[in-house]
């Protein structure tokens, strides 16, 4: 009989709230996080999106992070959500050294690349520290480093199914070899994603999701009970 797996902590950073309590309150009040773009740097502000209602600088301040520290929005949201999950699970730095970190992301550090790649190409190595954050795995490494490291970390990027696949991998590992795991998904909005929706709209693909898109971060800590 498969061992039962219990969720011991969870965290949310979403378009309708920072943290589980705020998100739940917004859901109960039927609040919507969908609105015209406010934070994504793009030329088309007419698009509707579910953005996390906080600037990168605001998230850095909330975390006590240096304002000049090079980090992607994906990592910032992931750190906030995972911090909430780990606190609820009662897991400190020592516990994390035996805990695997499984990350799912679609965008990774694409927001940094979009912001700085023109300068990088024109000036040689300008903003190279941000270009290095493009890879999906870089966002996972930044999150793991912020918490002082995990036993090991891995990244899944399978587009919209990244979150589900991260949880599935965590569950499979716990059935076979790991006592506990921490799984999360984090993806910020990007101009490429917005451009894709603009393309679909211009070609009259008006199905669900073609005009609205969202970002956020969701984290879970779980343990196996034999």
N, C-alpha and C. Protein backbone atom coordinates (compact mmCIF):
# COMPACT_ATOMS: atom_id res chain seq x y z
N UNK A 1 0.85 -1.19 0.00
CA UNK A 1 0.00 0.00 0.00
C UNK A 1 0.89 1.25 0.00
N UNK A 2 0.65 2.21 -0.90
CA UNK A 2 1.46 3.42 -0.93
C UNK A 2 1.38 4.20 0.38
N UNK A 3 2.52 4.77 0.77
CA UNK A 3 2.53 5.58 1.99
C UNK A 3 1.72 6.85 1.78
N UNK A 4 1.10 7.31 2.85
CA UNK A 4 0.36 8.57 2.78
C UNK A 4 1.32 9.74 2.83
N UNK A 5 0.97 10.78 2.08
CA UNK A 5 1.79 11.99 2.05
C UNK A 5 0.96 13.14 2.59
N UNK A 6 1.51 13.86 3.56
CA UNK A 6 0.79 14.95 4.21
C UNK A 6 1.43 16.29 3.86
N UNK A 7 0.59 17.27 3.53
CA UNK A 7 1.06 18.62 3.31
C UNK A 7 1.25 19.28 4.67
N UNK A 8 2.48 19.65 4.99
CA UNK A 8 2.78 20.22 6.30
C UNK A 8 2.89 21.74 6.27
N UNK A 9 2.99 22.31 5.07
CA UNK A 9 3.07 23.76 4.96
C UNK A 9 2.78 24.18 3.54
N UNK A 10 2.22 25.36 3.37
CA UNK A 10 1.94 25.86 2.02
C UNK A 10 2.05 27.38 2.02
N UNK A 11 2.31 27.92 0.85
CA UNK A 11 2.45 29.36 0.71
C UNK A 11 1.96 29.82 -0.65
N UNK A 12 1.47 31.04 -0.71
CA UNK A 12 0.91 31.57 -1.95
C UNK A 12 1.31 33.03 -2.13
N UNK A 13 1.70 33.36 -3.35
CA UNK A 13 1.84 34.75 -3.78
C UNK A 13 1.05 34.84 -5.07
N UNK A 14 -0.05 35.56 -5.06
CA UNK A 14 -0.94 35.54 -6.22
C UNK A 14 -1.41 36.93 -6.59
N UNK A 15 -2.16 36.99 -7.68
CA UNK A 15 -2.68 38.27 -8.16
C UNK A 15 -3.74 38.84 -7.24
N UNK A 16 -4.27 38.02 -6.33
CA UNK A 16 -5.30 38.51 -5.41
C UNK A 16 -4.83 38.55 -3.97
N UNK A 17 -3.56 38.28 -3.73
CA UNK A 17 -3.10 38.38 -2.35
C UNK A 17 -1.69 37.89 -2.15
N UNK A 18 -1.04 38.47 -1.18
CA UNK A 18 0.30 38.05 -0.78
C UNK A 18 0.15 37.20 0.48
N UNK A 19 0.27 35.89 0.33
CA UNK A 19 0.08 34.99 1.45
C UNK A 19 -1.28 34.30 1.37
N UNK A 20 -1.40 33.19 2.09
CA UNK A 20 -2.62 32.39 2.03
C UNK A 20 -3.83 33.12 2.59
N UNK A 21 -3.67 33.81 3.71
CA UNK A 21 -4.80 34.47 4.34
C UNK A 21 -5.38 35.56 3.44
N UNK A 22 -4.51 36.36 2.85
CA UNK A 22 -4.98 37.43 1.97
C UNK A 22 -5.64 36.85 0.72
N UNK A 23 -5.06 35.79 0.19
CA UNK A 23 -5.63 35.16 -1.00
C UNK A 23 -6.99 34.54 -0.70
N UNK A 24 -7.10 33.86 0.43
CA UNK A 24 -8.38 33.26 0.81
C UNK A 24 -9.45 34.32 1.05
N UNK A 25 -9.07 35.41 1.70
CA UNK A 25 -10.03 36.49 1.94
C UNK A 25 -10.53 37.08 0.63
N UNK A 26 -9.62 37.21 -0.34
CA UNK A 26 -10.01 37.75 -1.65
C UNK A 26 -10.95 36.80 -2.38
N UNK A 27 -10.68 35.51 -2.27
CA UNK A 27 -11.56 34.52 -2.90
C UNK A 27 -12.96 34.55 -2.28
N UNK A 28 -13.00 34.65 -0.96
CA UNK A 28 -14.30 34.66 -0.27
C UNK A 28 -15.10 35.91 -0.59
N UNK A 29 -14.42 37.00 -0.87
CA UNK A 29 -15.12 38.24 -1.20
C UNK A 29 -15.34 38.40 -2.70
N UNK A 30 -14.99 37.35 -3.46
CA UNK A 30 -15.18 37.34 -4.91
C UNK A 30 -14.38 38.45 -5.59
N UNK A 31 -13.20 38.74 -5.03
CA UNK A 31 -12.34 39.78 -5.62
C UNK A 31 -11.62 39.21 -6.84
N UNK A 32 -11.33 40.08 -7.78
CA UNK A 32 -10.60 39.68 -8.98
C UNK A 32 -9.24 40.35 -9.00
N UNK A 33 -8.22 39.59 -9.41
CA UNK A 33 -6.89 40.16 -9.56
C UNK A 33 -6.59 40.54 -10.98
N UNK A 34 -7.53 40.36 -11.88
CA UNK A 34 -7.33 40.66 -13.29
C UNK A 34 -7.57 42.14 -13.55
N UNK A 35 -6.60 42.79 -14.16
CA UNK A 35 -6.67 44.23 -14.41
C UNK A 35 -5.70 44.59 -15.53
N UNK A 36 -5.78 45.80 -16.06
CA UNK A 36 -4.78 46.22 -17.05
C UNK A 36 -3.37 46.13 -16.49
N UNK A 37 -2.42 45.85 -17.33
CA UNK A 37 -1.04 45.69 -16.90
C UNK A 37 -0.52 46.91 -16.16
N UNK A 38 0.17 46.65 -15.05
CA UNK A 38 0.71 47.74 -14.23
C UNK A 38 2.21 47.61 -14.02
N UNK A 39 2.72 46.40 -13.87
CA UNK A 39 4.12 46.21 -13.51
C UNK A 39 4.98 45.67 -14.66
N UNK A 40 4.40 44.88 -15.55
CA UNK A 40 5.17 44.35 -16.66
C UNK A 40 5.56 45.47 -17.62
N UNK A 41 6.83 45.52 -17.96
CA UNK A 41 7.33 46.55 -18.87
C UNK A 41 7.07 46.12 -20.31
N UNK A 42 5.97 46.60 -20.87
CA UNK A 42 5.58 46.26 -22.22
C UNK A 42 4.88 47.46 -22.86
N UNK A 43 4.90 47.51 -24.16
CA UNK A 43 4.30 48.64 -24.86
C UNK A 43 2.78 48.57 -24.90
N UNK A 44 2.22 47.38 -24.73
CA UNK A 44 0.77 47.20 -24.81
C UNK A 44 0.19 47.12 -23.40
N UNK A 45 -0.32 48.23 -22.90
CA UNK A 45 -0.88 48.29 -21.56
C UNK A 45 -2.38 47.97 -21.53
N UNK A 46 -2.95 47.69 -22.70
CA UNK A 46 -4.38 47.44 -22.75
C UNK A 46 -4.73 46.02 -22.34
N UNK A 47 -3.72 45.18 -22.23
CA UNK A 47 -3.97 43.78 -21.92
C UNK A 47 -4.42 43.59 -20.49
N UNK A 48 -5.29 42.62 -20.29
CA UNK A 48 -5.71 42.26 -18.94
C UNK A 48 -4.84 41.12 -18.44
N UNK A 49 -4.44 41.20 -17.18
CA UNK A 49 -3.57 40.16 -16.63
C UNK A 49 -3.76 40.06 -15.12
N UNK A 50 -3.41 38.93 -14.58
CA UNK A 50 -3.41 38.75 -13.14
C UNK A 50 -2.00 38.93 -12.62
N UNK A 51 -1.63 40.14 -12.30
CA UNK A 51 -0.28 40.45 -11.81
C UNK A 51 -0.23 40.43 -10.29
N UNK A 52 0.88 40.00 -9.75
CA UNK A 52 1.14 40.18 -8.32
C UNK A 52 1.27 41.67 -8.07
N UNK A 53 0.50 42.20 -7.13
CA UNK A 53 0.39 43.65 -6.96
C UNK A 53 1.51 44.21 -6.09
N UNK A 54 2.73 44.02 -6.55
CA UNK A 54 3.89 44.53 -5.81
C UNK A 54 5.06 44.64 -6.76
N UNK A 55 5.82 45.71 -6.64
CA UNK A 55 7.02 45.87 -7.45
C UNK A 55 8.13 44.95 -6.97
N UNK A 56 9.13 44.76 -7.79
CA UNK A 56 10.30 43.98 -7.37
C UNK A 56 10.95 44.63 -6.14
N UNK A 57 11.03 45.95 -6.15
CA UNK A 57 11.62 46.67 -5.01
C UNK A 57 10.83 46.43 -3.74
N UNK A 58 9.50 46.37 -3.88
CA UNK A 58 8.66 46.11 -2.71
C UNK A 58 8.88 44.71 -2.15
N UNK A 59 9.03 43.73 -3.03
CA UNK A 59 9.29 42.36 -2.56
C UNK A 59 10.67 42.26 -1.92
N UNK A 60 11.65 42.95 -2.50
CA UNK A 60 12.99 42.94 -1.89
C UNK A 60 12.95 43.54 -0.49
N UNK A 61 12.21 44.64 -0.34
CA UNK A 61 12.11 45.28 0.97
C UNK A 61 11.43 44.35 1.97
N UNK A 62 10.41 43.64 1.52
CA UNK A 62 9.69 42.71 2.39
C UNK A 62 10.59 41.58 2.87
N UNK A 63 11.54 41.21 2.04
CA UNK A 63 12.46 40.12 2.37
C UNK A 63 13.72 40.61 3.08
N UNK A 64 13.91 41.94 3.15
CA UNK A 64 15.13 42.47 3.72
C UNK A 64 16.31 42.27 2.79
N UNK A 65 16.06 42.24 1.50
CA UNK A 65 17.08 42.01 0.49
C UNK A 65 17.63 43.35 0.01
N UNK A 66 18.90 43.40 -0.25
CA UNK A 66 19.52 44.62 -0.77
C UNK A 66 18.86 45.05 -2.07
N UNK A 67 18.55 46.32 -2.18
CA UNK A 67 17.81 46.82 -3.34
C UNK A 67 18.57 46.63 -4.65
N UNK A 68 19.90 46.56 -4.58
CA UNK A 68 20.71 46.41 -5.79
C UNK A 68 21.03 44.98 -6.15
N UNK A 69 20.52 44.04 -5.38
CA UNK A 69 20.82 42.63 -5.61
C UNK A 69 20.16 42.15 -6.90
N UNK A 70 20.93 41.49 -7.77
CA UNK A 70 20.42 41.00 -9.05
C UNK A 70 19.61 39.72 -8.83
N UNK A 71 18.31 39.80 -9.08
CA UNK A 71 17.42 38.65 -8.88
C UNK A 71 16.21 38.81 -9.78
N UNK A 72 15.66 37.72 -10.25
CA UNK A 72 14.49 37.78 -11.12
C UNK A 72 13.21 37.89 -10.30
N UNK A 73 12.17 38.38 -10.93
CA UNK A 73 10.86 38.46 -10.27
C UNK A 73 10.34 37.06 -9.93
N UNK A 74 10.64 36.10 -10.79
CA UNK A 74 10.27 34.71 -10.51
C UNK A 74 10.86 34.25 -9.18
N UNK A 75 12.13 34.55 -8.96
CA UNK A 75 12.78 34.14 -7.70
C UNK A 75 12.19 34.86 -6.50
N UNK A 76 11.90 36.14 -6.64
CA UNK A 76 11.35 36.91 -5.53
C UNK A 76 10.00 36.34 -5.09
N UNK A 77 9.13 36.05 -6.04
CA UNK A 77 7.84 35.48 -5.70
C UNK A 77 7.99 34.08 -5.10
N UNK A 78 8.92 33.31 -5.66
CA UNK A 78 9.16 31.97 -5.13
C UNK A 78 9.68 31.99 -3.70
N UNK A 79 10.58 32.92 -3.39
CA UNK A 79 11.11 33.03 -2.03
C UNK A 79 9.99 33.36 -1.05
N UNK A 80 9.13 34.31 -1.43
CA UNK A 80 8.04 34.70 -0.52
C UNK A 80 7.08 33.55 -0.27
N UNK A 81 6.70 32.83 -1.31
CA UNK A 81 5.77 31.71 -1.14
C UNK A 81 6.41 30.57 -0.36
N UNK A 82 7.66 30.25 -0.68
CA UNK A 82 8.33 29.16 0.01
C UNK A 82 8.60 29.51 1.46
N UNK A 83 8.90 30.76 1.75
CA UNK A 83 9.09 31.18 3.14
C UNK A 83 7.84 30.91 3.96
N UNK A 84 6.69 31.23 3.40
CA UNK A 84 5.44 30.99 4.12
C UNK A 84 5.23 29.49 4.36
N UNK A 85 5.51 28.68 3.35
CA UNK A 85 5.32 27.23 3.48
C UNK A 85 6.27 26.63 4.51
N UNK A 86 7.53 27.03 4.48
CA UNK A 86 8.52 26.48 5.41
C UNK A 86 8.25 26.91 6.84
N UNK A 87 7.78 28.14 7.02
CA UNK A 87 7.44 28.59 8.36
C UNK A 87 6.29 27.79 8.93
N UNK A 88 5.28 27.54 8.11
CA UNK A 88 4.14 26.77 8.59
C UNK A 88 4.54 25.34 8.93
N UNK A 89 5.48 24.80 8.15
CA UNK A 89 5.94 23.43 8.39
C UNK A 89 6.93 23.35 9.55
N UNK A 90 7.39 24.51 10.03
CA UNK A 90 8.35 24.53 11.12
C UNK A 90 9.73 24.05 10.71
N UNK A 91 10.12 24.31 9.49
CA UNK A 91 11.41 23.85 8.98
C UNK A 91 12.41 24.99 8.96
N UNK A 92 13.51 24.81 9.70
CA UNK A 92 14.57 25.80 9.75
C UNK A 92 15.74 25.41 8.87
N UNK A 93 16.82 26.18 8.96
CA UNK A 93 17.98 25.97 8.10
C UNK A 93 18.55 24.57 8.20
N UNK A 94 18.64 24.03 9.41
CA UNK A 94 19.20 22.69 9.60
C UNK A 94 18.36 21.64 8.91
N UNK A 95 17.04 21.78 8.99
CA UNK A 95 16.15 20.80 8.36
C UNK A 95 16.26 20.83 6.85
N UNK A 96 16.50 22.00 6.28
CA UNK A 96 16.54 22.13 4.83
C UNK A 96 17.71 21.39 4.22
N UNK A 97 18.76 21.15 4.99
CA UNK A 97 19.94 20.48 4.46
C UNK A 97 19.68 19.02 4.09
N UNK A 98 18.57 18.48 4.56
CA UNK A 98 18.19 17.10 4.22
C UNK A 98 16.95 17.08 3.33
N UNK A 99 16.52 18.23 2.88
CA UNK A 99 15.27 18.35 2.15
C UNK A 99 15.52 18.68 0.67
N UNK A 100 14.98 17.91 -0.26
CA UNK A 100 15.12 18.28 -1.68
C UNK A 100 14.18 19.42 -2.06
N UNK A 101 14.60 20.24 -2.99
CA UNK A 101 13.80 21.35 -3.47
C UNK A 101 13.46 21.09 -4.94
N UNK A 102 12.16 21.03 -5.24
CA UNK A 102 11.71 20.74 -6.59
C UNK A 102 10.95 21.95 -7.11
N UNK A 103 11.46 22.52 -8.18
CA UNK A 103 10.91 23.76 -8.71
C UNK A 103 10.29 23.54 -10.09
N UNK A 104 9.15 24.15 -10.30
CA UNK A 104 8.55 24.20 -11.62
C UNK A 104 8.43 25.65 -12.05
N UNK A 105 8.86 25.96 -13.25
CA UNK A 105 8.74 27.33 -13.75
C UNK A 105 8.65 27.32 -15.27
N UNK A 106 7.93 28.28 -15.79
CA UNK A 106 7.81 28.43 -17.24
C UNK A 106 8.73 29.53 -17.75
N UNK A 107 8.80 30.62 -17.02
CA UNK A 107 9.48 31.82 -17.49
C UNK A 107 10.92 31.92 -16.99
N UNK A 108 11.19 31.44 -15.78
CA UNK A 108 12.53 31.59 -15.23
C UNK A 108 12.89 33.06 -15.08
N UNK A 109 14.05 33.45 -15.59
CA UNK A 109 14.48 34.84 -15.48
C UNK A 109 14.29 35.63 -16.75
N UNK A 110 13.28 35.26 -17.53
CA UNK A 110 13.06 35.93 -18.81
C UNK A 110 12.79 37.43 -18.64
N UNK A 111 12.21 37.81 -17.51
CA UNK A 111 11.92 39.23 -17.28
C UNK A 111 13.21 40.05 -17.28
N UNK A 112 14.27 39.49 -16.71
CA UNK A 112 15.57 40.18 -16.67
C UNK A 112 16.17 40.28 -18.07
N UNK A 113 16.07 39.21 -18.83
CA UNK A 113 16.61 39.21 -20.19
C UNK A 113 15.91 40.25 -21.05
N UNK A 114 14.58 40.30 -20.96
CA UNK A 114 13.83 41.27 -21.75
C UNK A 114 14.19 42.70 -21.38
N UNK A 115 14.50 42.92 -20.14
CA UNK A 115 14.79 44.27 -19.67
C UNK A 115 16.18 44.74 -20.10
N UNK A 116 17.14 43.81 -20.17
CA UNK A 116 18.52 44.24 -20.32
C UNK A 116 19.25 43.72 -21.57
N UNK A 117 18.64 42.85 -22.37
CA UNK A 117 19.43 42.21 -23.43
C UNK A 117 19.87 43.19 -24.50
N UNK A 118 19.10 44.24 -24.77
CA UNK A 118 19.53 45.21 -25.79
C UNK A 118 20.80 45.92 -25.35
N UNK A 119 20.85 46.32 -24.09
CA UNK A 119 22.06 46.95 -23.56
C UNK A 119 23.22 45.97 -23.56
N UNK A 120 22.92 44.72 -23.24
CA UNK A 120 23.95 43.68 -23.18
C UNK A 120 24.58 43.48 -24.56
N UNK A 121 23.76 43.45 -25.60
CA UNK A 121 24.26 43.27 -26.96
C UNK A 121 25.01 44.50 -27.45
N UNK A 122 24.52 45.68 -27.07
CA UNK A 122 25.11 46.92 -27.58
C UNK A 122 26.41 47.28 -26.87
N UNK A 123 26.51 46.92 -25.60
CA UNK A 123 27.64 47.39 -24.80
C UNK A 123 28.57 46.27 -24.35
N UNK A 124 28.41 45.11 -24.91
CA UNK A 124 29.31 44.02 -24.56
C UNK A 124 28.77 43.17 -23.43
N UNK A 125 29.08 43.55 -22.21
CA UNK A 125 28.68 42.72 -21.07
C UNK A 125 27.86 43.52 -20.06
N UNK A 126 27.18 44.56 -20.54
CA UNK A 126 26.38 45.38 -19.63
C UNK A 126 25.26 44.55 -19.02
N UNK A 127 25.08 44.67 -17.72
CA UNK A 127 24.03 43.96 -16.98
C UNK A 127 24.16 42.44 -17.12
N UNK A 128 25.39 41.97 -17.27
CA UNK A 128 25.60 40.53 -17.42
C UNK A 128 25.08 39.72 -16.26
N UNK A 129 25.06 40.31 -15.06
CA UNK A 129 24.57 39.59 -13.89
C UNK A 129 23.09 39.27 -14.01
N UNK A 130 22.34 40.09 -14.76
CA UNK A 130 20.91 39.82 -14.98
C UNK A 130 20.70 38.84 -16.12
N UNK A 131 21.51 38.92 -17.16
CA UNK A 131 21.40 37.99 -18.28
C UNK A 131 21.66 36.56 -17.81
N UNK A 132 22.55 36.42 -16.84
CA UNK A 132 22.87 35.10 -16.30
C UNK A 132 21.69 34.46 -15.57
N UNK A 133 20.66 35.25 -15.27
CA UNK A 133 19.49 34.73 -14.56
C UNK A 133 18.42 34.18 -15.50
N UNK A 134 18.68 34.22 -16.81
CA UNK A 134 17.67 33.80 -17.79
C UNK A 134 17.26 32.34 -17.62
N UNK A 135 18.23 31.48 -17.42
CA UNK A 135 17.96 30.04 -17.35
C UNK A 135 16.98 29.71 -16.23
N UNK A 136 16.08 28.78 -16.50
CA UNK A 136 15.08 28.40 -15.49
C UNK A 136 15.73 27.91 -14.20
N UNK A 137 16.82 27.17 -14.35
CA UNK A 137 17.50 26.66 -13.17
C UNK A 137 18.11 27.74 -12.30
N UNK A 138 18.42 28.90 -12.91
CA UNK A 138 19.00 30.00 -12.13
C UNK A 138 18.02 30.51 -11.09
N UNK A 139 16.72 30.50 -11.41
CA UNK A 139 15.73 30.96 -10.43
C UNK A 139 15.65 30.00 -9.25
N UNK A 140 15.77 28.71 -9.53
CA UNK A 140 15.77 27.71 -8.46
C UNK A 140 16.99 27.87 -7.56
N UNK A 141 18.15 28.06 -8.18
CA UNK A 141 19.38 28.22 -7.41
C UNK A 141 19.33 29.46 -6.53
N UNK A 142 18.76 30.54 -7.05
CA UNK A 142 18.65 31.77 -6.26
C UNK A 142 17.76 31.56 -5.05
N UNK A 143 16.67 30.83 -5.23
CA UNK A 143 15.75 30.56 -4.12
C UNK A 143 16.42 29.66 -3.09
N UNK A 144 17.08 28.61 -3.57
CA UNK A 144 17.77 27.69 -2.65
C UNK A 144 18.85 28.42 -1.85
N UNK A 145 19.62 29.26 -2.53
CA UNK A 145 20.69 30.01 -1.86
C UNK A 145 20.14 30.95 -0.80
N UNK A 146 18.99 31.56 -1.07
CA UNK A 146 18.42 32.50 -0.12
C UNK A 146 18.12 31.83 1.22
N UNK A 147 17.71 30.57 1.17
CA UNK A 147 17.37 29.85 2.39
C UNK A 147 18.55 29.10 2.98
N UNK A 148 19.71 29.24 2.37
CA UNK A 148 20.90 28.61 2.92
C UNK A 148 21.22 27.25 2.34
N UNK A 149 20.48 26.84 1.31
CA UNK A 149 20.77 25.59 0.64
C UNK A 149 19.86 24.45 1.06
N UNK A 150 19.65 23.51 0.14
CA UNK A 150 18.87 22.30 0.37
C UNK A 150 19.77 21.10 0.10
N UNK A 151 19.26 19.90 0.36
CA UNK A 151 20.05 18.69 0.09
C UNK A 151 20.41 18.63 -1.38
N UNK A 152 19.45 18.92 -2.22
CA UNK A 152 19.66 19.05 -3.66
C UNK A 152 18.46 19.78 -4.24
N UNK A 153 18.62 20.27 -5.45
CA UNK A 153 17.53 21.02 -6.09
C UNK A 153 17.46 20.65 -7.56
N UNK A 154 16.26 20.67 -8.10
CA UNK A 154 16.06 20.40 -9.51
C UNK A 154 14.96 21.28 -10.06
N UNK A 155 14.96 21.49 -11.36
CA UNK A 155 14.00 22.39 -12.00
C UNK A 155 13.28 21.70 -13.14
N UNK A 156 11.96 21.82 -13.18
CA UNK A 156 11.16 21.33 -14.29
C UNK A 156 10.57 22.52 -15.02
N UNK A 157 10.64 22.48 -16.34
CA UNK A 157 10.02 23.54 -17.13
C UNK A 157 9.25 22.88 -18.26
N UNK A 158 7.96 22.71 -18.05
CA UNK A 158 7.10 22.04 -19.03
C UNK A 158 5.89 22.92 -19.34
N UNK A 159 6.17 24.21 -19.52
CA UNK A 159 5.13 25.20 -19.82
C UNK A 159 4.09 25.21 -18.70
N UNK A 160 2.82 25.22 -19.07
CA UNK A 160 1.76 25.42 -18.08
C UNK A 160 1.64 24.26 -17.09
N UNK A 161 2.21 23.11 -17.42
CA UNK A 161 2.12 21.95 -16.54
C UNK A 161 3.28 21.87 -15.55
N UNK A 162 4.15 22.88 -15.52
CA UNK A 162 5.34 22.84 -14.65
C UNK A 162 4.98 22.64 -13.19
N UNK A 163 3.96 23.36 -12.72
CA UNK A 163 3.57 23.26 -11.31
C UNK A 163 3.10 21.85 -10.98
N UNK A 164 2.21 21.30 -11.82
CA UNK A 164 1.69 19.96 -11.57
C UNK A 164 2.81 18.92 -11.60
N UNK A 165 3.73 19.06 -12.55
CA UNK A 165 4.81 18.09 -12.66
C UNK A 165 5.78 18.17 -11.48
N UNK A 166 5.98 19.36 -10.93
CA UNK A 166 6.83 19.49 -9.74
C UNK A 166 6.22 18.74 -8.56
N UNK A 167 4.91 18.89 -8.38
CA UNK A 167 4.22 18.19 -7.29
C UNK A 167 4.25 16.68 -7.53
N UNK A 168 4.03 16.26 -8.77
CA UNK A 168 4.04 14.83 -9.10
C UNK A 168 5.42 14.23 -8.81
N UNK A 169 6.47 14.93 -9.22
CA UNK A 169 7.82 14.44 -8.96
C UNK A 169 8.08 14.34 -7.46
N UNK A 170 7.66 15.36 -6.71
CA UNK A 170 7.83 15.32 -5.27
C UNK A 170 7.11 14.13 -4.64
N UNK A 171 5.89 13.88 -5.09
CA UNK A 171 5.11 12.76 -4.55
C UNK A 171 5.77 11.42 -4.91
N UNK A 172 6.24 11.29 -6.13
CA UNK A 172 6.89 10.05 -6.54
C UNK A 172 8.17 9.79 -5.75
N UNK A 173 8.94 10.85 -5.52
CA UNK A 173 10.16 10.71 -4.73
C UNK A 173 9.86 10.25 -3.31
N UNK A 174 8.80 10.81 -2.74
CA UNK A 174 8.47 10.45 -1.37
C UNK A 174 7.95 9.02 -1.26
N UNK A 175 7.37 8.51 -2.31
CA UNK A 175 6.94 7.13 -2.30
C UNK A 175 8.13 6.17 -2.35
N UNK A 176 9.24 6.64 -2.94
CA UNK A 176 10.34 5.73 -3.23
C UNK A 176 11.59 5.94 -2.38
N UNK A 177 11.89 7.23 -2.04
CA UNK A 177 13.20 7.42 -1.40
C UNK A 177 13.27 8.55 -0.40
N UNK A 178 12.48 9.60 -0.54
CA UNK A 178 12.61 10.77 0.32
C UNK A 178 11.53 10.78 1.40
N UNK A 179 11.92 11.16 2.62
CA UNK A 179 10.95 11.29 3.70
C UNK A 179 10.14 12.58 3.57
N UNK A 180 10.78 13.62 3.06
CA UNK A 180 10.13 14.92 2.92
C UNK A 180 10.61 15.59 1.64
N UNK A 181 9.83 16.54 1.17
CA UNK A 181 10.26 17.32 0.02
C UNK A 181 9.56 18.66 0.04
N UNK A 182 10.11 19.60 -0.69
CA UNK A 182 9.51 20.92 -0.82
C UNK A 182 9.34 21.20 -2.31
N UNK A 183 8.09 21.43 -2.74
CA UNK A 183 7.79 21.64 -4.16
C UNK A 183 7.16 23.01 -4.34
N UNK A 184 7.52 23.68 -5.42
CA UNK A 184 6.91 24.98 -5.67
C UNK A 184 6.91 25.29 -7.15
N UNK A 185 6.06 26.22 -7.52
CA UNK A 185 6.03 26.75 -8.87
C UNK A 185 6.07 28.26 -8.77
N UNK A 186 6.87 28.88 -9.60
CA UNK A 186 6.92 30.34 -9.63
C UNK A 186 7.22 30.80 -11.04
N UNK A 187 6.40 31.71 -11.55
CA UNK A 187 6.63 32.29 -12.88
C UNK A 187 6.10 33.71 -12.89
N UNK A 188 6.93 34.63 -13.31
CA UNK A 188 6.49 36.01 -13.46
C UNK A 188 5.93 36.19 -14.88
N UNK A 189 5.29 37.30 -15.10
CA UNK A 189 4.84 37.63 -16.45
C UNK A 189 6.04 38.07 -17.29
N UNK A 190 5.94 37.86 -18.59
CA UNK A 190 6.99 38.32 -19.49
C UNK A 190 6.37 38.92 -20.73
N UNK A 191 7.14 39.78 -21.40
CA UNK A 191 6.64 40.41 -22.60
C UNK A 191 6.44 39.40 -23.72
N UNK A 192 7.26 38.34 -23.72
CA UNK A 192 7.10 37.28 -24.72
C UNK A 192 5.73 36.62 -24.58
N UNK A 193 5.33 36.36 -23.32
CA UNK A 193 4.02 35.76 -23.10
C UNK A 193 2.91 36.70 -23.56
N UNK A 194 3.09 37.98 -23.28
CA UNK A 194 2.09 38.97 -23.70
C UNK A 194 2.03 39.04 -25.22
N UNK A 195 3.19 38.99 -25.87
CA UNK A 195 3.22 39.03 -27.32
C UNK A 195 2.53 37.82 -27.93
N UNK A 196 2.70 36.66 -27.29
CA UNK A 196 2.04 35.45 -27.77
C UNK A 196 0.52 35.61 -27.72
N UNK A 197 0.02 36.20 -26.63
CA UNK A 197 -1.42 36.41 -26.53
C UNK A 197 -1.91 37.45 -27.53
N UNK A 198 -1.06 38.47 -27.76
CA UNK A 198 -1.44 39.48 -28.76
C UNK A 198 -1.54 38.84 -30.15
N UNK A 199 -0.61 37.91 -30.43
CA UNK A 199 -0.64 37.21 -31.72
C UNK A 199 -1.92 36.39 -31.84
N UNK A 200 -2.25 35.68 -30.79
CA UNK A 200 -3.46 34.86 -30.84
C UNK A 200 -4.70 35.73 -31.01
N UNK A 201 -4.71 36.85 -30.31
CA UNK A 201 -5.87 37.74 -30.41
C UNK A 201 -5.99 38.26 -31.84
N UNK A 202 -4.88 38.64 -32.46
CA UNK A 202 -4.92 39.20 -33.80
C UNK A 202 -5.36 38.17 -34.83
N UNK A 203 -5.19 36.89 -34.51
CA UNK A 203 -5.61 35.83 -35.43
C UNK A 203 -6.95 35.21 -34.99
N UNK A 204 -7.64 35.92 -34.10
CA UNK A 204 -9.00 35.57 -33.72
C UNK A 204 -9.11 34.24 -32.97
N UNK A 205 -8.05 33.86 -32.27
CA UNK A 205 -8.16 32.69 -31.41
C UNK A 205 -8.69 33.16 -30.06
N UNK A 206 -9.98 33.31 -29.95
CA UNK A 206 -10.58 33.92 -28.77
C UNK A 206 -11.08 32.86 -27.79
N UNK A 207 -10.30 31.84 -27.60
CA UNK A 207 -10.71 30.83 -26.64
C UNK A 207 -10.27 31.25 -25.24
N UNK A 208 -10.68 30.48 -24.26
CA UNK A 208 -10.38 30.81 -22.86
C UNK A 208 -8.86 30.90 -22.67
N UNK A 209 -8.43 31.99 -22.08
CA UNK A 209 -7.02 32.17 -21.78
C UNK A 209 -6.26 32.92 -22.84
N UNK A 210 -6.89 33.23 -23.97
CA UNK A 210 -6.16 33.88 -25.03
C UNK A 210 -5.97 35.37 -24.80
N UNK A 211 -6.74 35.95 -23.87
CA UNK A 211 -6.62 37.37 -23.63
C UNK A 211 -6.25 37.70 -22.19
N UNK A 212 -6.22 36.70 -21.36
CA UNK A 212 -5.87 36.94 -19.96
C UNK A 212 -4.80 35.94 -19.54
N UNK A 213 -3.84 36.41 -18.79
CA UNK A 213 -2.82 35.52 -18.31
C UNK A 213 -2.40 35.99 -16.92
N UNK A 214 -1.73 35.13 -16.21
CA UNK A 214 -1.46 35.46 -14.80
C UNK A 214 -0.08 34.98 -14.39
N UNK A 215 0.33 35.46 -13.24
CA UNK A 215 1.60 35.02 -12.67
C UNK A 215 1.38 34.77 -11.19
N UNK A 216 2.32 34.08 -10.59
CA UNK A 216 2.20 33.83 -9.16
C UNK A 216 3.17 32.76 -8.74
N UNK A 217 3.13 32.44 -7.45
CA UNK A 217 4.01 31.43 -6.91
C UNK A 217 3.26 30.64 -5.85
N UNK A 218 3.46 29.33 -5.86
CA UNK A 218 2.76 28.45 -4.95
C UNK A 218 3.76 27.42 -4.44
N UNK A 219 3.78 27.21 -3.14
CA UNK A 219 4.78 26.32 -2.55
C UNK A 219 4.13 25.36 -1.57
N UNK A 220 4.69 24.14 -1.51
CA UNK A 220 4.20 23.12 -0.59
C UNK A 220 5.38 22.40 0.04
N UNK A 221 5.25 22.13 1.32
CA UNK A 221 6.20 21.26 1.99
C UNK A 221 5.43 20.02 2.44
N UNK A 222 5.99 18.85 2.20
CA UNK A 222 5.25 17.63 2.50
C UNK A 222 6.18 16.58 3.13
N UNK A 223 5.56 15.65 3.85
CA UNK A 223 6.33 14.56 4.43
C UNK A 223 5.57 13.25 4.25
N UNK A 224 6.32 12.16 4.26
CA UNK A 224 5.73 10.85 4.11
C UNK A 224 5.45 10.26 5.49
N UNK A 225 4.33 9.58 5.63
CA UNK A 225 3.99 8.89 6.89
C UNK A 225 3.84 7.41 6.60
N UNK A 226 4.85 6.65 7.02
CA UNK A 226 4.82 5.19 6.79
C UNK A 226 3.97 4.49 7.85
